[in-house]
Amino acid sequence: MTSPFPNRFRQRILARERVIGFWMCMSSHITAELAGLAEFDWLLLDGEHSPNEVPMFLQQLQALQGSGSAPVGRPTWNDPVEIKRLLDIGFYNLLIPFIESEDDARRAVAATRYPPQGMRGVAGLQRSNRYGTVPDYLNTVNDNICVLLQIESRPGVEAVDQIAAVEGVDGVFIGPSDLAAGLGHLGNPGHPEVQATIRHLYERVSAAGKAVGILAPVEADARRYIDMGIHFVAVGTDLGIFKQATFALREAFPTPK
């Protein structure tokens, strides 16, 4: 059986390569399998704002087994127990939401690492170690977990330098909608203050030598952020595309009055 290491996605994030992603909200192994055929560089499987639970995540990971897209899991919170469970079922890349301080960042990294580097609990046979078939798994996995932390509030913006400096943080992700809300511009991520803050975060995280990411389901926004230099960009969502296509199809075949 092929080893999951080295984690090529983490290598690309550390090299700050441009990697294009897609956001999975529909909690379906069928749509995950279909998206995997499109060969995006990465697919975000969302647990924060989608009704995903661990068994559903597991089905989606299994559906992506033959895909070249790297699965990235987003837990509901910076919770070491939830993070441990996602790691054990086979996520090697995590996007952890609502990081507001250096301490938050350190706790997030520690949750992904076995001792002495962290506090991850040790299981025997699990999907992450391919049920005990990955050679020297315990001594190699710490260096193959990609940790991406999400800044989406004013305290997070103020602590960006400290967050980005934490060892084991591979990249910082900007949550534009929550950031807009936190800055007093709910529903308006295009507000000049929000856009200026996104640029500020990009500049500070880049100065620390770390990758920067963002979600941009509107094409013009995605191209603007790519032109800015942002490294990992999710350019659409499964739910958004399904809604758009479904409504367009219905409008193409209206019921006669």
Protein backbone atom coordinates (compact mmCIF):
# COMPACT_ATOMS: atom_id res chain seq x y z
CA MET A 1 0.00 0.00 0.00
CA THR A 2 1.29 3.46 -0.93
CA SER A 3 2.31 5.65 2.02
CA PRO A 4 0.47 8.97 2.47
CA PHE A 5 3.82 10.58 3.24
CA PRO A 6 5.35 12.90 2.36
CA ASN A 7 2.31 15.15 2.46
CA ARG A 8 2.62 16.83 -0.92
CA PHE A 9 -0.06 19.43 -0.11
CA ARG A 10 1.85 20.56 2.97
CA GLN A 11 5.03 20.77 0.91
CA ARG A 12 3.27 23.05 -1.56
CA ILE A 13 1.86 25.23 1.23
CA LEU A 14 5.30 25.54 2.84
CA ALA A 15 6.73 26.52 -0.55
CA ARG A 16 3.91 29.09 -0.88
CA GLU A 17 2.88 27.74 -4.26
CA ARG A 18 -0.40 28.84 -5.83
CA VAL A 19 -2.97 26.12 -5.15
CA ILE A 20 -6.61 26.41 -6.19
CA GLY A 21 -9.32 24.86 -4.06
CA PHE A 22 -13.04 24.19 -3.87
CA TRP A 23 -15.35 24.36 -0.84
CA MET A 24 -17.53 21.33 0.00
CA CYS A 25 -20.64 22.21 2.03
CA MET A 26 -23.17 19.56 0.96
CA SER A 27 -21.91 16.84 3.31
CA SER A 28 -22.18 14.22 0.58
CA HIS A 29 -19.74 11.53 -0.45
CA ILE A 30 -21.32 11.59 -3.91
CA THR A 31 -20.62 15.28 -4.51
CA ALA A 32 -17.18 14.86 -2.93
CA GLU A 33 -16.36 12.05 -5.34
CA LEU A 34 -17.55 14.15 -8.28
CA ALA A 35 -15.53 17.19 -7.15
CA GLY A 36 -12.51 14.95 -6.76
CA LEU A 37 -12.70 14.11 -10.46
CA ALA A 38 -12.24 17.80 -11.30
CA GLU A 39 -8.73 17.63 -9.79
CA PHE A 40 -8.71 20.86 -7.81
CA ASP A 41 -5.48 21.13 -5.84
CA TRP A 42 -7.45 20.91 -2.59
CA LEU A 43 -11.01 20.37 -1.37
CA LEU A 44 -12.27 21.85 1.88
CA LEU A 45 -14.66 19.50 3.70
CA ASP A 46 -16.52 21.78 6.06
CA GLY A 47 -17.63 20.92 9.57
CA GLU A 48 -18.10 24.43 10.91
CA HIS A 49 -21.01 25.65 8.78
CA SER A 50 -22.13 22.33 7.28
CA PRO A 51 -23.95 19.40 8.94
CA ASN A 52 -20.96 17.07 8.76
CA GLU A 53 -20.22 14.57 11.50
CA VAL A 54 -17.23 12.21 11.76
CA PRO A 55 -18.86 9.24 9.94
CA MET A 56 -19.89 11.58 7.10
CA PHE A 57 -16.36 12.98 6.86
CA LEU A 58 -15.08 9.41 6.69
CA GLN A 59 -17.36 8.59 3.76
CA GLN A 60 -16.17 11.67 1.89
CA LEU A 61 -12.51 10.83 2.51
CA GLN A 62 -13.12 7.33 1.18
CA ALA A 63 -14.84 8.80 -1.89
CA LEU A 64 -11.73 10.93 -2.52
CA GLN A 65 -9.30 8.04 -2.17
CA GLY A 66 -8.39 7.99 -5.87
CA SER A 67 -8.46 11.75 -6.40
CA GLY A 68 -5.44 14.00 -6.82
CA SER A 69 -7.17 16.68 -4.73
CA ALA A 70 -5.92 17.05 -1.15
CA PRO A 71 -8.76 16.90 1.40
CA VAL A 72 -8.67 19.67 4.02
CA GLY A 73 -10.93 19.25 7.04
CA ARG A 74 -12.47 22.12 8.96
CA PRO A 75 -13.63 21.24 12.48
CA THR A 76 -16.37 23.18 14.22
CA TRP A 77 -13.92 24.79 16.64
CA ASN A 78 -10.38 24.74 17.97
CA ASP A 79 -11.25 21.62 19.96
CA PRO A 80 -8.45 19.08 20.57
CA VAL A 81 -10.88 16.16 20.87
CA GLU A 82 -12.58 16.94 17.58
CA ILE A 83 -9.22 17.58 15.91
CA LYS A 84 -7.96 14.22 17.19
CA ARG A 85 -10.96 12.42 15.71
CA LEU A 86 -10.51 14.08 12.31
CA LEU A 87 -6.83 13.18 12.29
CA ASP A 88 -7.56 9.56 13.21
CA ILE A 89 -9.99 9.07 10.30
CA GLY A 90 -7.37 10.25 7.81
CA PHE A 91 -7.22 14.02 7.52
CA TYR A 92 -3.62 15.23 7.18
CA ASN A 93 -4.64 18.83 6.46
CA LEU A 94 -6.75 20.93 8.81
CA LEU A 95 -8.21 24.43 8.61
CA ILE A 96 -9.02 25.47 12.17
CA PRO A 97 -11.47 28.37 12.59
CA PHE A 98 -11.65 31.43 14.82
CA ILE A 99 -8.04 31.83 15.93
CA GLU A 100 -7.63 35.06 17.89
CA SER A 101 -4.31 34.80 19.74
CA GLU A 102 -0.89 33.22 19.93
CA ASP A 103 -2.25 30.90 22.64
CA ASP A 104 -5.07 29.77 20.33
CA ALA A 105 -2.50 29.04 17.63
CA ARG A 106 -0.25 27.06 19.96
CA ARG A 107 -3.19 24.98 21.22
CA ALA A 108 -4.27 24.23 17.66
CA VAL A 109 -0.81 23.01 16.64
CA ALA A 110 -0.41 20.99 19.85
CA ALA A 111 -3.69 19.19 19.13
CA THR A 112 -2.26 17.90 15.83
CA ARG A 113 1.06 16.60 17.23
CA TYR A 114 1.97 13.52 19.21
CA PRO A 115 4.07 14.10 22.36
CA PRO A 116 6.51 15.56 23.10
CA GLN A 117 5.67 18.18 20.42
CA GLY A 118 1.97 18.18 21.29
CA MET A 119 -0.93 16.46 23.01
CA ARG A 120 -2.58 14.27 20.36
CA GLY A 121 -3.83 11.02 21.82
CA VAL A 122 -2.27 7.81 20.52
CA ALA A 123 -4.45 5.11 18.95
CA GLY A 124 -3.32 1.76 17.61
CA LEU A 125 -5.03 0.76 14.39
CA GLN A 126 -6.71 3.73 12.70
CA ARG A 127 -7.40 4.94 9.20
CA SER A 128 -4.69 7.62 9.45
CA ASN A 129 -1.94 5.01 9.83
CA ARG A 130 -3.74 2.79 7.31
CA TYR A 131 -4.53 0.36 10.06
CA GLY A 132 -0.92 -0.08 11.10
CA THR A 133 0.60 -0.47 7.63
CA VAL A 134 2.38 2.92 7.37
CA PRO A 135 6.05 2.35 8.29
CA ASP A 136 7.29 4.39 11.27
CA TYR A 137 4.01 6.33 11.36
CA LEU A 138 4.37 7.68 14.91
CA ASN A 139 7.79 9.15 14.20
CA THR A 140 6.89 10.69 10.84
CA VAL A 141 3.30 11.92 11.06
CA ASN A 142 4.05 15.08 13.07
CA ASP A 143 6.01 16.41 10.11
CA ASN A 144 3.22 15.61 7.70
CA ILE A 145 0.22 17.38 9.24
CA CYS A 146 -0.61 20.69 7.59
CA VAL A 147 -2.06 23.27 10.00
CA LEU A 148 -3.92 26.24 8.53
CA LEU A 149 -5.43 28.73 10.96
CA GLN A 150 -8.35 31.01 10.23
CA ILE A 151 -8.35 34.69 11.21
CA GLU A 152 -11.81 36.22 11.08
CA SER A 153 -12.09 38.78 13.91
CA ARG A 154 -10.55 42.03 15.07
CA PRO A 155 -8.56 40.35 17.90
CA GLY A 156 -7.20 37.89 15.34
CA VAL A 157 -6.13 40.73 13.06
CA GLU A 158 -4.40 42.46 15.95
CA ALA A 159 -2.55 39.25 16.86
CA VAL A 160 -1.63 38.26 13.30
CA ASP A 161 2.14 38.61 13.79
CA GLN A 162 2.10 36.43 16.91
CA ILE A 163 -0.18 33.83 15.28
CA ALA A 164 1.91 33.58 12.12
CA ALA A 165 5.11 33.21 14.15
CA VAL A 166 3.99 30.06 15.99
CA GLU A 167 6.03 27.02 15.00
CA GLY A 168 3.87 24.46 13.22
CA VAL A 169 1.50 27.02 11.70
CA ASP A 170 1.85 26.43 7.97
CA GLY A 171 -0.57 29.05 6.71
CA VAL A 172 -3.21 31.58 7.67
CA PHE A 173 -6.64 31.60 6.10
CA ILE A 174 -8.76 34.74 5.91
CA GLY A 175 -12.50 34.32 6.48
CA PRO A 176 -13.89 37.32 4.56
CA SER A 177 -17.53 37.10 5.70
CA ASP A 178 -16.81 36.75 9.41
CA LEU A 179 -14.02 39.30 9.12
CA ALA A 180 -16.49 41.76 7.63
CA ALA A 181 -18.89 41.09 10.48
CA GLY A 182 -16.15 41.50 13.07
CA LEU A 183 -15.17 44.85 11.59
CA GLY A 184 -18.75 46.11 11.68
CA HIS A 185 -19.62 45.50 8.04
CA LEU A 186 -21.89 42.46 8.24
CA GLY A 187 -22.67 41.09 4.79
CA ASN A 188 -20.25 43.43 3.04
CA PRO A 189 -16.81 41.83 2.61
CA GLY A 190 -16.18 44.24 -0.24
CA HIS A 191 -16.18 47.23 2.12
CA PRO A 192 -12.94 49.24 1.79
CA GLU A 193 -12.00 48.63 5.43
CA VAL A 194 -12.43 44.89 5.02
CA GLN A 195 -10.42 44.85 1.80
CA ALA A 196 -7.67 46.93 3.40
CA THR A 197 -7.58 44.49 6.33
CA ILE A 198 -7.31 41.51 3.97
CA ARG A 199 -4.35 43.15 2.29
CA HIS A 200 -2.81 43.91 5.70
CA LEU A 201 -3.18 40.27 6.75
CA TYR A 202 -1.67 39.09 3.48
CA GLU A 203 1.32 41.39 3.94
CA ARG A 204 1.94 40.46 7.58
CA VAL A 205 1.60 36.71 7.09
CA SER A 206 3.74 36.82 3.95
CA ALA A 207 6.40 38.77 5.86
CA ALA A 208 6.48 35.88 8.34
CA GLY A 209 7.17 33.49 5.46
CA LYS A 210 3.81 31.73 5.70
CA ALA A 211 1.16 31.02 3.07
CA VAL A 212 -2.09 32.97 2.97
CA GLY A 213 -5.49 31.65 1.87
CA ILE A 214 -9.03 32.89 1.32
CA LEU A 215 -12.48 31.80 0.12
CA ALA A 216 -13.66 33.73 -2.96
CA PRO A 217 -16.66 32.16 -4.73
CA VAL A 218 -17.14 35.25 -6.91
CA GLU A 219 -14.75 35.05 -9.88
CA ALA A 220 -13.81 38.74 -9.83
CA ASP A 221 -12.90 38.48 -6.14
CA ALA A 222 -10.88 35.32 -6.69
CA ARG A 223 -8.88 36.91 -9.50
CA ARG A 224 -8.27 40.03 -7.41
CA TYR A 225 -6.94 37.97 -4.51
CA ILE A 226 -4.79 35.87 -6.84
CA ASP A 227 -3.38 39.07 -8.33
CA MET A 228 -2.71 40.29 -4.79
CA GLY A 229 -0.53 37.21 -4.31
CA ILE A 230 -2.70 35.09 -2.02
CA HIS A 231 -1.45 31.54 -2.20
CA PHE A 232 -4.33 29.12 -1.59
CA VAL A 233 -7.69 30.28 -2.89
CA ALA A 234 -11.01 28.43 -2.86
CA VAL A 235 -12.79 29.64 -5.99
CA GLY A 236 -16.25 28.17 -5.46
CA THR A 237 -18.58 26.10 -3.31
CA ASP A 238 -20.57 22.99 -4.20
CA LEU A 239 -23.73 24.46 -2.68
CA GLY A 240 -23.33 27.75 -4.56
CA ILE A 241 -22.76 26.07 -7.90
CA PHE A 242 -25.68 23.68 -7.39
CA LYS A 243 -28.00 26.56 -6.49
CA GLN A 244 -26.88 28.66 -9.45
CA ALA A 245 -27.26 25.83 -11.95
CA THR A 246 -30.58 24.67 -10.53
CA PHE A 247 -32.16 28.13 -10.60
CA ALA A 248 -30.79 28.78 -14.10
CA LEU A 249 -32.27 25.51 -15.35
CA ARG A 250 -35.66 26.32 -13.87
CA GLU A 251 -35.62 29.79 -15.42
CA ALA A 252 -34.81 28.23 -18.81
CA PHE A 253 -38.00 26.16 -18.64
CA PRO A 254 -40.70 28.31 -17.03
CA THR A 255 -44.17 26.90 -16.49
CA PRO A 256 -46.63 28.45 -18.94
CA LYS A 257 -49.05 30.83 -17.25
